[in-house]
């Protein structure tokens, strides 16, 4: 399974140049940052509930990612409106993948 190179940087989002962004871009950037913050504890909970996980296992990475993304999608349904659309359009999946990679200490596909 190929992952976007940018998703591994999700947990390191910076809002430093917010003056040069449109209000819409700033909203999306802040939302992605919040998704990254929300995804990490969800990934940690998944890892802690699955004691036999192996950090190099692609199966564990995919399973963690799908479970975390599902939880984020449930939250998106509750939020609805524009914010829910951004989450459902892939922001939640990218945040989930990055969080699971980090928590499981899975090697990145950036090479």
Protein backbone atom coordinates (compact mmCIF):
# COMPACT_ATOMS: atom_id res chain seq x y z
CA UNK A 1 0.00 0.00 0.00
CA UNK A 2 1.50 3.35 -0.99
CA UNK A 3 1.18 6.31 1.32
CA UNK A 4 1.51 9.95 0.41
CA UNK A 5 4.87 11.37 1.39
CA UNK A 6 3.16 14.40 2.89
CA UNK A 7 1.14 12.37 5.38
CA UNK A 8 4.25 11.51 7.41
CA UNK A 9 4.69 15.22 8.01
CA UNK A 10 1.12 15.62 9.34
CA UNK A 11 2.17 15.59 12.96
CA UNK A 12 4.68 18.40 12.35
CA UNK A 13 2.36 20.95 10.76
CA UNK A 14 3.41 24.55 11.27
CA UNK A 15 1.11 27.55 11.25
CA UNK A 16 3.99 30.05 11.04
CA UNK A 17 2.99 31.73 7.75
CA UNK A 18 -0.67 32.22 8.59
CA UNK A 19 -0.51 35.89 7.48
CA UNK A 20 -0.02 34.84 3.85
CA UNK A 21 -2.96 32.40 3.86
CA UNK A 22 -6.54 33.05 2.92
CA UNK A 23 -9.10 32.48 5.69
CA UNK A 24 -10.12 29.23 3.97
CA UNK A 25 -6.52 27.98 3.74
CA UNK A 26 -5.90 28.92 7.36
CA UNK A 27 -9.03 27.03 8.44
CA UNK A 28 -7.94 23.91 6.53
CA UNK A 29 -4.41 24.12 7.94
CA UNK A 30 -5.68 24.50 11.50
CA UNK A 31 -8.08 21.60 10.99
CA UNK A 32 -5.30 19.35 9.71
CA UNK A 33 -3.21 20.27 12.74
CA UNK A 34 -6.13 19.42 15.05
CA UNK A 35 -6.69 16.12 13.23
CA UNK A 36 -3.04 15.22 13.76
CA UNK A 37 -3.38 15.99 17.47
CA UNK A 38 -6.58 13.93 17.72
CA UNK A 39 -5.22 10.96 15.76
CA UNK A 40 -2.16 10.28 17.92
CA UNK A 41 -4.01 9.38 21.15
CA UNK A 42 -6.40 7.22 19.13
CA UNK A 43 -3.43 5.38 17.61
CA UNK A 44 -1.87 4.96 21.06
CA UNK A 45 -5.11 3.48 22.38
CA UNK A 46 -5.25 1.07 19.44
CA UNK A 47 -1.62 0.01 20.04
CA UNK A 48 -2.20 -0.43 23.78
CA UNK A 49 -5.24 -2.63 23.11
CA UNK A 50 -3.29 -4.83 20.69
CA UNK A 51 -0.34 -6.12 22.68
CA UNK A 52 0.97 -8.39 19.92
CA UNK A 53 1.62 -5.62 17.40
CA UNK A 54 4.91 -5.57 15.53
CA UNK A 55 6.22 -2.19 14.45
CA UNK A 56 7.38 -3.41 11.04
CA UNK A 57 4.11 -5.14 10.20
CA UNK A 58 2.19 -3.58 7.32
CA UNK A 59 -0.92 -5.44 8.49
CA UNK A 60 -0.72 -3.74 11.89
CA UNK A 61 -0.13 -0.36 10.25
CA UNK A 62 -3.10 -0.72 7.93
CA UNK A 63 -5.37 -2.05 10.69
CA UNK A 64 -4.38 0.78 13.04
CA UNK A 65 -4.85 3.36 10.27
CA UNK A 66 -8.30 2.07 9.34
CA UNK A 67 -9.44 1.97 12.95
CA UNK A 68 -8.19 5.49 13.72
CA UNK A 69 -9.59 6.86 10.45
CA UNK A 70 -12.95 5.27 11.28
CA UNK A 71 -13.04 7.01 14.66
CA UNK A 72 -12.16 10.32 12.99
CA UNK A 73 -14.88 9.75 10.38
CA UNK A 74 -17.43 9.17 13.11
CA UNK A 75 -16.43 12.52 14.60
CA UNK A 76 -16.70 14.11 11.14
CA UNK A 77 -20.27 12.86 10.80
CA UNK A 78 -21.11 14.47 14.12
CA UNK A 79 -19.49 17.78 13.13
CA UNK A 80 -21.01 17.88 9.64
CA UNK A 81 -20.98 20.99 7.49
CA UNK A 82 -17.74 22.18 5.87
CA UNK A 83 -15.41 20.83 8.56
CA UNK A 84 -16.88 17.35 8.26
CA UNK A 85 -16.40 17.49 4.50
CA UNK A 86 -12.70 18.30 4.87
CA UNK A 87 -12.24 15.40 7.27
CA UNK A 88 -14.17 13.01 5.05
CA UNK A 89 -12.21 14.13 1.97
CA UNK A 90 -9.05 12.48 3.27
CA UNK A 91 -7.71 14.67 6.03
CA UNK A 92 -8.69 12.10 8.63
CA UNK A 93 -7.08 9.22 6.76
CA UNK A 94 -3.80 11.08 6.30
CA UNK A 95 -3.73 12.06 9.98
CA UNK A 96 -4.54 8.48 11.02
CA UNK A 97 -1.79 7.05 8.84
CA UNK A 98 0.81 9.48 10.15
CA UNK A 99 -0.20 8.86 13.77
CA UNK A 100 -0.10 5.08 13.39
CA UNK A 101 3.32 5.26 11.71
CA UNK A 102 4.59 7.37 14.58
CA UNK A 103 3.06 5.28 17.37
CA UNK A 104 4.06 1.95 15.80
CA UNK A 105 7.51 3.32 14.87
CA UNK A 106 6.87 2.15 11.34
CA UNK A 107 9.42 3.09 8.68
CA UNK A 108 8.32 5.78 6.25
CA UNK A 109 7.85 5.29 2.50
CA UNK A 110 9.70 8.57 1.78
CA UNK A 111 12.82 6.84 0.47
